[in-house]
Protein backbone atom coordinates (compact mmCIF):
# COMPACT_ATOMS: atom_id res chain seq x y z
CA MET A 1 112.88 59.74 82.65
CA ALA A 2 110.92 60.66 79.57
CA ALA A 3 107.49 59.04 79.16
CA ASN A 4 106.84 60.09 75.57
CA ARG A 5 107.95 58.17 72.52
CA LEU A 6 111.40 59.24 71.32
CA THR A 7 112.12 60.53 67.86
CA PHE A 8 115.47 59.24 66.67
CA LYS A 9 117.63 61.22 64.30
CA ALA A 10 118.56 59.65 60.98
CA THR A 11 121.91 61.41 60.88
CA LEU A 12 125.29 60.10 61.99
CA ALA A 13 126.41 61.27 65.44
CA GLN A 14 130.10 61.65 66.26
CA VAL A 15 131.80 62.40 69.57
CA SER A 16 135.31 62.49 71.00
CA VAL A 17 136.08 61.74 74.64
CA PRO A 18 139.31 62.55 76.52
CA ALA A 19 141.48 60.10 78.40
CA THR A 20 141.38 60.65 82.15
CA SER A 21 143.52 60.16 85.21
CA ALA A 22 141.91 59.48 88.58
CA ASN A 23 143.06 59.86 92.20
CA LEU A 24 145.97 62.21 91.32
CA GLY A 25 147.78 60.78 94.31
CA PRO A 26 145.70 61.40 97.44
CA GLY A 27 142.21 61.94 95.96
CA PHE A 28 141.15 58.29 95.87
CA ASP A 29 137.87 57.85 93.95
CA CYS A 30 137.12 61.58 94.03
CA LEU A 31 139.66 63.61 92.03
CA GLY A 32 139.97 63.33 88.26
CA LEU A 33 141.72 65.05 85.38
CA ALA A 34 140.93 65.07 81.65
CA LEU A 35 143.88 64.61 79.29
CA GLU A 36 144.09 65.64 75.64
CA LEU A 37 144.18 62.13 74.22
CA ARG A 38 140.81 61.42 72.61
CA ASP A 39 138.92 58.34 71.53
CA ARG A 40 136.44 58.97 68.73
CA TYR A 41 133.08 57.28 68.22
CA ALA A 42 130.47 57.50 65.47
CA ALA A 43 127.03 55.89 65.54
CA GLN A 44 123.78 55.72 63.63
CA ILE A 45 120.36 54.25 64.38
CA LEU A 46 119.41 51.17 62.33
CA ASP A 47 115.90 50.03 61.45
CA GLU A 48 116.98 46.39 61.60
CA PRO A 49 117.45 44.54 64.91
CA THR A 50 121.21 44.33 64.55
CA PHE A 51 124.32 45.82 66.13
CA ASP A 52 127.07 46.54 63.63
CA VAL A 53 130.29 47.32 65.52
CA ASP A 54 133.73 48.09 64.09
CA VAL A 55 136.76 48.98 66.22
CA SER A 56 140.08 50.45 65.08
CA GLY A 57 143.18 51.18 67.15
CA GLU A 58 143.50 50.15 70.79
CA GLY A 59 141.67 46.95 71.61
CA ALA A 60 140.66 46.26 68.01
CA ASP A 61 141.62 42.59 68.29
CA GLU A 62 140.31 42.02 71.83
CA LEU A 63 137.03 43.92 72.17
CA LYS A 64 133.73 42.24 71.36
CA LYS A 65 131.97 43.62 68.31
CA ASP A 66 128.33 43.08 69.24
CA LYS A 67 125.75 44.53 71.62
CA SER A 68 127.99 43.65 74.58
CA HIS A 69 130.53 46.30 73.50
CA LEU A 70 130.75 48.87 76.29
CA VAL A 71 129.87 51.81 74.04
CA ILE A 72 126.75 49.99 72.80
CA ARG A 73 125.74 48.99 76.34
CA SER A 74 126.15 52.60 77.45
CA MET A 75 124.12 53.87 74.50
CA LEU A 76 121.30 51.47 75.36
CA ARG A 77 121.37 52.62 78.99
CA GLY A 78 121.15 56.22 77.81
CA PHE A 79 118.24 55.46 75.48
CA GLU A 80 116.51 53.57 78.28
CA HIS A 81 116.87 56.60 80.54
CA MET A 82 115.32 58.79 77.87
CA GLY A 83 112.39 56.42 77.42
CA GLN A 84 112.91 54.05 74.49
CA LYS A 85 115.57 51.86 72.85
CA PRO A 86 116.19 51.68 69.09
CA ARG A 87 116.02 48.39 67.19
CA GLY A 88 119.64 48.49 66.09
CA ILE A 89 122.82 50.56 66.11
CA ALA A 90 125.86 50.91 63.86
CA LEU A 91 128.99 51.93 65.77
CA ARG A 92 132.49 52.85 64.63
CA ALA A 93 135.17 53.35 67.30
CA LEU A 94 138.68 54.76 66.86
CA ASN A 95 140.50 54.10 70.14
CA VAL A 96 143.76 55.81 71.02
CA THR A 97 143.65 55.67 74.83
CA PRO A 98 145.71 52.67 76.04
CA HIS A 99 143.59 49.95 77.62
CA GLY A 100 144.28 48.57 81.09
CA ARG A 101 146.79 51.32 81.88
CA GLY A 102 144.86 53.58 84.29
CA LEU A 103 143.96 56.24 81.71
CA GLY A 104 140.20 55.85 81.73
CA SER A 105 139.56 53.85 78.56
CA SER A 106 136.36 52.34 79.99
CA SER A 107 135.14 55.75 81.11
CA SER A 108 135.74 57.07 77.61
CA ALA A 109 133.59 54.28 76.18
CA ILE A 110 130.82 54.83 78.73
CA VAL A 111 130.68 58.61 78.34
CA GLY A 112 131.02 58.26 74.57
CA GLY A 113 128.05 55.90 74.46
CA LEU A 114 125.86 58.16 76.58
CA ALA A 115 126.83 61.22 74.53
CA LEU A 116 126.05 59.40 71.28
CA ALA A 117 122.65 58.33 72.58
CA ARG A 118 121.79 61.89 73.53
CA SER A 119 122.95 63.19 70.15
CA LEU A 120 120.77 60.67 68.28
CA VAL A 121 117.52 61.75 69.93
CA HIS A 122 115.58 64.91 69.11
CA GLY A 123 115.58 66.96 72.31
CA GLY A 124 118.21 64.69 73.82
CA GLU A 125 119.97 67.45 75.77
CA ALA A 126 116.82 68.05 77.81
CA LEU A 127 116.19 64.33 78.32
CA LEU A 128 119.75 63.51 79.39
CA THR A 129 121.60 66.37 81.08
CA ASP A 130 125.29 66.34 81.96
CA ASP A 131 124.38 65.75 85.62
CA GLU A 132 122.25 62.77 84.63
CA MET A 133 125.03 61.55 82.35
CA ILE A 134 127.47 61.57 85.27
CA ALA A 135 124.97 59.64 87.40
CA LEU A 136 124.40 57.01 84.69
CA ALA A 137 128.11 56.77 83.88
CA THR A 138 128.88 56.23 87.58
CA GLU A 139 126.26 53.47 87.67
CA LEU A 140 127.96 51.77 84.71
CA GLU A 141 131.57 52.35 85.83
CA GLY A 142 131.11 51.78 89.56
CA HIS A 143 132.89 54.96 90.67
CA PRO A 144 132.59 58.61 89.55
CA ASP A 145 136.14 59.97 89.33
CA ASN A 146 137.10 59.14 85.73
CA VAL A 147 133.64 59.55 84.21
CA ALA A 148 133.24 62.98 85.81
CA ALA A 149 136.42 64.24 84.16
CA ALA A 150 135.39 62.69 80.84
CA VAL A 151 132.05 64.52 80.94
CA LEU A 152 133.13 67.89 82.33
CA GLY A 153 136.79 68.18 81.31
CA GLY A 154 139.58 69.85 83.28
CA ALA A 155 139.95 68.77 86.89
CA THR A 156 136.94 67.47 88.77
CA ILE A 157 135.79 66.61 92.26
CA ALA A 158 133.30 63.72 92.30
CA TRP A 159 131.25 62.16 95.05
CA ILE A 160 128.25 59.88 95.68
CA GLU A 161 125.07 61.53 96.96
CA ASN A 162 121.88 59.55 97.59
CA GLY A 163 123.42 56.67 95.69
CA GLU A 164 124.18 58.74 92.57
CA GLY A 165 127.44 60.06 91.16
CA ARG A 166 127.83 63.83 91.18
CA ALA A 167 130.70 66.14 90.25
CA ILE A 168 131.90 69.70 89.84
CA THR A 169 134.84 71.17 87.96
CA ILE A 170 137.74 73.05 89.47
CA PRO A 171 139.94 75.38 87.42
CA VAL A 172 143.39 74.19 86.34
CA HIS A 173 146.28 76.64 86.26
CA GLU A 174 147.29 77.44 82.69
CA LYS A 175 150.92 76.42 83.25
CA ILE A 176 150.18 72.88 84.43
CA LYS A 177 150.81 70.06 81.97
CA ALA A 178 151.03 66.29 82.24
CA LEU A 179 153.66 63.73 81.36
CA ALA A 180 152.52 60.11 81.22
CA PHE A 181 154.91 57.19 81.54
CA ILE A 182 153.00 54.34 79.92
CA PRO A 183 154.28 50.76 80.32
CA THR A 184 153.56 47.83 78.03
CA THR A 185 152.10 45.88 80.93
CA THR A 186 148.44 46.17 81.93
CA LEU A 187 146.49 45.93 85.18
CA SER A 188 142.72 45.61 85.46
CA THR A 189 140.92 48.02 87.76
CA SER A 190 139.07 45.14 89.43
CA LYS A 191 142.33 43.38 90.30
CA ALA A 192 143.87 46.62 91.58
CA ARG A 193 140.85 47.21 93.82
CA LYS A 194 140.94 43.70 95.27
CA ILE A 195 144.48 44.33 96.51
CA LEU A 196 143.42 47.20 98.75
CA PRO A 197 142.87 46.49 102.46
CA GLU A 198 139.44 46.72 104.08
CA SER A 199 140.68 49.41 106.48
CA ILE A 200 143.52 51.91 106.69
CA PRO A 201 145.18 53.74 109.59
CA HIS A 202 143.39 56.86 110.79
CA ALA A 203 146.59 58.90 110.42
CA ALA A 204 146.92 57.91 106.76
CA ALA A 205 143.29 58.82 106.05
CA ALA A 206 143.74 62.20 107.73
CA ALA A 207 146.94 62.86 105.80
CA ASN A 208 145.25 62.10 102.48
CA ALA A 209 142.27 64.30 103.32
CA GLY A 210 144.61 67.20 103.94
CA LYS A 211 146.64 66.57 100.78
CA SER A 212 143.48 66.25 98.66
CA ALA A 213 142.27 69.63 99.88
CA LEU A 214 145.71 71.11 99.21
CA LEU A 215 145.75 69.59 95.72
CA VAL A 216 142.63 71.56 94.77
CA GLU A 217 144.52 74.77 95.57
CA ALA A 218 147.68 73.51 93.85
CA LEU A 219 145.81 72.69 90.64
CA SER A 220 143.91 75.97 90.64
CA HIS A 221 146.39 78.59 91.82
CA ARG A 222 149.60 77.18 93.30
CA PRO A 223 151.45 74.79 90.96
CA ASP A 224 154.46 75.12 93.25
CA LEU A 225 152.54 72.96 95.75
CA LEU A 226 151.91 70.06 93.33
CA TYR A 227 154.73 67.92 94.69
CA VAL A 228 153.66 67.95 98.32
CA ALA A 229 149.95 67.87 97.41
CA THR A 230 150.21 64.66 95.34
CA GLU A 231 151.56 62.51 98.18
CA ASP A 232 149.45 59.44 98.90
CA GLN A 233 149.32 57.13 101.91
CA ILE A 234 146.19 55.01 101.37
CA HIS A 235 146.35 53.07 98.10
CA GLN A 236 149.55 53.20 96.03
CA SER A 237 151.84 51.33 98.42
CA TYR A 238 149.32 48.49 98.78
CA ARG A 239 149.31 48.01 95.00
CA ALA A 240 153.08 48.02 94.62
CA SER A 241 153.33 44.24 94.29
CA ALA A 242 151.04 44.32 91.25
CA MET A 243 153.12 47.00 89.46
CA PRO A 244 156.61 47.06 91.01
CA LYS A 245 158.29 48.91 88.13
CA SER A 246 155.67 51.64 88.20
CA MET A 247 156.04 52.16 91.94
CA GLU A 248 159.81 52.18 91.59
CA LEU A 249 159.46 54.93 89.00
CA VAL A 250 157.08 56.92 91.22
CA ASN A 251 159.58 56.72 94.08
CA ARG A 252 162.48 57.63 91.79
CA LEU A 253 160.67 60.67 90.40
CA ARG A 254 159.42 61.83 93.78
CA GLY A 255 162.93 61.41 95.13
CA ALA A 256 163.95 63.95 92.51
CA GLY A 257 161.23 66.37 93.65
CA VAL A 258 158.76 65.55 90.85
CA ALA A 259 154.97 65.43 91.41
CA ALA A 260 154.54 61.82 90.26
CA PHE A 261 151.81 59.30 91.14
CA ILE A 262 150.06 56.22 89.81
CA SER A 263 147.37 57.17 87.30
CA GLY A 264 144.09 55.64 88.45
CA ALA A 265 144.52 51.92 89.09
CA GLY A 266 147.81 51.96 87.14
CA PRO A 267 150.24 50.93 85.93
CA THR A 268 150.78 54.27 84.10
CA VAL A 269 152.75 56.84 86.08
CA LEU A 270 151.57 60.44 85.66
CA VAL A 271 153.53 63.59 86.39
CA LEU A 272 152.00 67.05 86.79
CA HIS A 273 154.51 69.78 86.02
CA THR A 274 155.24 73.26 84.71
CA GLY A 275 158.63 72.31 83.30
CA ASN A 276 160.41 73.02 80.03
CA GLU A 277 161.76 70.53 77.47
CA THR A 278 165.04 70.13 79.32
CA GLU A 279 163.23 69.21 82.53
CA LEU A 280 160.98 66.81 80.63
CA GLY A 281 164.06 65.12 79.22
CA GLU A 282 165.51 64.74 82.70
CA MET A 283 162.26 63.15 83.94
CA SER A 284 162.17 60.79 80.97
CA ALA A 285 165.75 59.72 81.60
CA LEU A 286 164.70 58.48 85.04
CA ALA A 287 162.10 56.18 83.48
CA GLY A 288 164.36 54.09 81.28
CA SER A 289 163.14 51.85 78.47
CA ALA A 290 160.29 50.15 80.33
CA PHE A 291 158.00 53.15 79.80
CA THR A 292 156.94 55.32 76.89
CA ALA A 293 156.96 58.99 77.90
CA THR A 294 154.01 60.90 76.43
CA ALA A 295 153.58 64.64 76.96
CA LEU A 296 149.90 65.59 77.32
CA GLU A 297 147.98 68.83 77.64
CA ILE A 298 145.17 69.11 80.15
CA SER A 299 141.89 68.80 78.27
CA ARG A 300 139.81 71.82 79.22
CA LYS A 301 136.73 70.23 77.67
CA GLY A 302 135.13 66.86 78.30
CA TYR A 303 133.33 64.96 75.54
CA LEU A 304 132.77 66.92 72.33
CA SER A 305 130.36 66.49 69.44
CA ILE A 306 132.38 66.48 66.20
């Protein structure tokens, strides 16, 4: 942490942060993927002790517009890490990532806030590195999978080491794309976590370890293995009662040989594929009217200054 007094920039900082999907089936709390659906944030330091927050798009009517806003809280944590907090902040947020759907909206806000803080300090990149950003974002989020993908982009492997979140990227095959089936219903991550049992069978844990390792190879070099590599035995079935339609869709798609799984804590269903428009239409037909099918590219970059 910096000991010297910070010099804040007077300019406006702007960043965009991708949506993310965590777990990818078997990789519970460790595998993540950045998706090309970006929230945008702009912020400026104020001389007055006030927090001026405006939100457009997703969550505009529900999110608090004061210093308790997650982007503001994350900015303040970033400034604290660098050595000093400003008196006030003006924030403008344009949210497009659906909230409460398992697409990393909170991770976007956290990473966006940390990235804005770094951009508003002279020498910020040296005072808050990407590795430190992942550690702070994990502290704020509680787990590293989504925030790692939001920082680094592409596919990521995240873990906790000495109490801190860490992550690396893994390459994603150029042919792999995503198809998200987004329901109107929501499910909080905290509720989804409370449903999980305290322990799981050894055989299920071993199966998921093997599939997670295989998924790294499938994402990088062998898209033909995506279907078998995205099978999960440790968390999705336990959450079925909280999102029955989503699990029904996962089972329907997997029954048709499609690499489908619950995105993060759900209830969005994500498909990884290399298909054409005809195949996408066939997948969408299996979903029915309860879901909005959204084709997404893999975001090769994490947060971006704009």
